[in-house]
C-alpha atoms as a PDB file:
ATOM      1  CA  MET A   1       6.409-119.251 -58.963  1.00  0.00           C
ATOM      2  CA  GLU A   2      10.182-119.122 -59.426  1.00  0.00           C
ATOM      3  CA  PHE A   3      12.243-121.342 -61.686  1.00  0.00           C
ATOM      4  CA  GLY A   4      15.903-122.210 -61.762  1.00  0.00           C
ATOM      5  CA  ARG A   5      16.056-121.970 -65.567  1.00  0.00           C
ATOM      6  CA  TRP A   6      14.991-118.721 -67.350  1.00  0.00           C
ATOM      7  CA  ARG A   7      13.343-120.678 -70.217  1.00  0.00           C
ATOM      8  CA  ASP A   8      11.094-122.753 -67.911  1.00  0.00           C
ATOM      9  CA  GLY A   9       9.905-119.562 -66.287  1.00  0.00           C
ATOM     10  CA  MET A  10       9.282-117.773 -69.480  1.00  0.00           C
ATOM     11  CA  VAL A  11       7.240-120.748 -70.838  1.00  0.00           C
ATOM     12  CA  HIS A  12       5.334-120.876 -67.749  1.00  0.00           C
ATOM     13  CA  ALA A  13       4.427-117.172 -67.745  1.00  0.00           C
ATOM     14  CA  LEU A  14       3.509-117.195 -71.504  1.00  0.00           C
ATOM     15  CA  GLU A  15       1.322-120.167 -70.999  1.00  0.00           C
ATOM     16  CA  GLY A  16      -0.718-118.072 -68.520  1.00  0.00           C
ATOM     17  CA  GLY A  17       1.112-118.757 -65.221  1.00  0.00           C
ATOM     18  CA  LEU A  18       2.808-116.252 -62.846  1.00  0.00           C
ATOM     19  CA  TRP A  19       6.518-116.106 -63.031  1.00  0.00           C
ATOM     20  CA  LEU A  20       8.683-114.315 -60.424  1.00  0.00           C
ATOM     21  CA  HIS A  21      11.903-113.534 -62.271  1.00  0.00           C
ATOM     22  CA  ARG A  22      14.584-112.066 -59.999  1.00  0.00           C
ATOM     23  CA  PHE A  23      17.583-109.923 -60.998  1.00  0.00           C
ATOM     24  CA  ARG A  24      19.742-107.147 -59.698  1.00  0.00           C
ATOM     25  CA  LEU A  25      19.918-103.700 -60.971  1.00  0.00           C
ATOM     26  CA  ARG A  26      22.762-101.482 -59.829  1.00  0.00           C
ATOM     27  CA  GLY A  27      23.368-103.909 -57.084  1.00  0.00           C
ATOM     28  CA  GLU A  28      19.793-103.788 -55.752  1.00  0.00           C
ATOM     29  CA  PRO A  29      17.490-106.841 -55.816  1.00  0.00           C
ATOM     30  CA  TRP A  30      14.561-106.561 -58.089  1.00  0.00           C
ATOM     31  CA  ALA A  31      12.046-108.979 -59.758  1.00  0.00           C
ATOM     32  CA  HIS A  32       9.627-108.940 -62.604  1.00  0.00           C
ATOM     33  CA  LEU A  33       6.242-110.716 -61.949  1.00  0.00           C
ATOM     34  CA  VAL A  34       5.272-111.874 -65.440  1.00  0.00           C
ATOM     35  CA  SER A  35       2.350-113.460 -67.145  1.00  0.00           C
ATOM     36  CA  SER A  36       0.408-113.560 -70.502  1.00  0.00           C
ATOM     37  CA  ASP A  37      -2.826-113.737 -68.194  1.00  0.00           C
ATOM     38  CA  GLN A  38      -3.394-109.988 -67.561  1.00  0.00           C
ATOM     39  CA  PRO A  39      -6.454-110.534 -65.191  1.00  0.00           C
ATOM     40  CA  LEU A  40      -4.357-113.075 -63.056  1.00  0.00           C
ATOM     41  CA  LEU A  41      -1.343-110.704 -63.128  1.00  0.00           C
ATOM     42  CA  ILE A  42      -3.533-107.688 -61.904  1.00  0.00           C
ATOM     43  CA  LEU A  43      -5.080-109.854 -59.247  1.00  0.00           C
ATOM     44  CA  ALA A  44      -1.522-110.852 -57.987  1.00  0.00           C
ATOM     45  CA  GLY A  45      -0.451-107.064 -58.075  1.00  0.00           C
ATOM     46  CA  GLU A  46      -3.457-106.096 -56.089  1.00  0.00           C
ATOM     47  CA  ARG A  47      -2.642-108.771 -53.441  1.00  0.00           C
ATOM     48  CA  LEU A  48       0.911-107.138 -53.273  1.00  0.00           C
ATOM     49  CA  GLY A  49      -0.586-103.615 -53.029  1.00  0.00           C
ATOM     50  CA  MET A  50       0.631-102.491 -56.504  1.00  0.00           C
ATOM     51  CA  ARG A  51      -1.114 -99.673 -58.317  1.00  0.00           C
ATOM     52  CA  LEU A  52      -2.776-100.540 -61.558  1.00  0.00           C
ATOM     53  CA  GLU A  53      -0.960 -97.827 -63.503  1.00  0.00           C
ATOM     54  CA  TRP A  54       2.323 -99.579 -62.747  1.00  0.00           C
ATOM     55  CA  VAL A  55       1.641-102.668 -64.717  1.00  0.00           C
ATOM     56  CA  GLN A  56       3.672-102.740 -67.960  1.00  0.00           C
ATOM     57  CA  TYR A  57       2.769-104.282 -71.319  1.00  0.00           C
ATOM     58  CA  LYS A  58       5.597-106.024 -73.306  1.00  0.00           C
ATOM     59  CA  PRO A  59       5.102-108.730 -75.839  1.00  0.00           C
ATOM     60  CA  LEU A  60       7.601-111.555 -75.255  1.00  0.00           C
ATOM     61  CA  LYS A  61       8.992-114.373 -77.467  1.00  0.00           C
ATOM     62  CA  PHE A  62       7.672-117.786 -76.576  1.00  0.00           C
ATOM     63  CA  PRO A  63      10.727-119.882 -76.380  1.00  0.00           C
ATOM     64  CA  PRO A  64       9.416-123.086 -78.104  1.00  0.00           C
ATOM     65  CA  THR A  65       8.207-121.238 -81.187  1.00  0.00           C
ATOM     66  CA  GLY A  66       9.856-117.820 -81.351  1.00  0.00           C
ATOM     67  CA  GLN A  67       6.467-116.207 -81.730  1.00  0.00           C
ATOM     68  CA  ARG A  68       5.711-112.999 -79.785  1.00  0.00           C
ATOM     69  CA  VAL A  69       2.946-113.325 -77.177  1.00  0.00           C
ATOM     70  CA  GLU A  70       1.092-110.541 -75.382  1.00  0.00           C
ATOM     71  CA  ALA A  71       2.456-110.299 -71.838  1.00  0.00           C
ATOM     72  CA  TRP A  72       2.462-107.999 -68.882  1.00  0.00           C
ATOM     73  CA  HIS A  73       4.690-107.478 -65.888  1.00  0.00           C
ATOM     74  CA  TRP A  74       5.140-105.662 -62.655  1.00  0.00           C
ATOM     75  CA  ASP A  75       8.540-104.330 -61.523  1.00  0.00           C
ATOM     76  CA  LEU A  76       9.052-105.401 -57.872  1.00  0.00           C
ATOM     77  CA  ARG A  77      11.588-104.032 -55.356  1.00  0.00           C
ATOM     78  CA  GLY A  78      11.771-103.235 -51.719  1.00  0.00           C
ATOM     79  CA  THR A  79       8.542-104.019 -49.825  1.00  0.00           C
ATOM     80  CA  TYR A  80       6.733-105.267 -52.925  1.00  0.00           C
ATOM     81  CA  LEU A  81       9.555-107.719 -53.678  1.00  0.00           C
ATOM     82  CA  GLU A  82       9.540-108.905 -50.063  1.00  0.00           C
ATOM     83  CA  ARG A  83       5.787-109.462 -50.183  1.00  0.00           C
ATOM     84  CA  ALA A  84       6.016-111.415 -53.469  1.00  0.00           C
ATOM     85  CA  LEU A  85       8.846-113.514 -52.175  1.00  0.00           C
ATOM     86  CA  ALA A  86       6.814-114.531 -48.985  1.00  0.00           C
ATOM     87  CA  LEU A  87       3.888-115.576 -51.242  1.00  0.00           C
ATOM     88  CA  ALA A  88       5.963-117.283 -54.025  1.00  0.00           C
ATOM     89  CA  ALA A  89       5.770-121.011 -54.595  1.00  0.00           C
ATOM     90  CA  PRO A  90       9.002-122.933 -54.043  1.00  0.00           C
ATOM     91  CA  LYS A  91      11.614-122.655 -56.846  1.00  0.00           C
ATOM     92  CA  ARG A  92      11.207-125.372 -59.525  1.00  0.00           C
END
């Protein structure tokens, strides 16, 4: 799922949802697929054709409390980003 506001996406991801966070790196479109629910994130990555060794662990601050929460993400670009965008829920 995509969100118009970064905070909303972060809260969603750290409450166990999947957040597709788009950004640009050196002019190229990228996205992070983020969640605190590792099994759900891995399942989504498998659906996109990602390799398990590409998943990254990074604790993130939960916006309402400032507490760090265990979280994981995939870096998406190119074909993987296109697949994720085709499967993403409409932006909220």
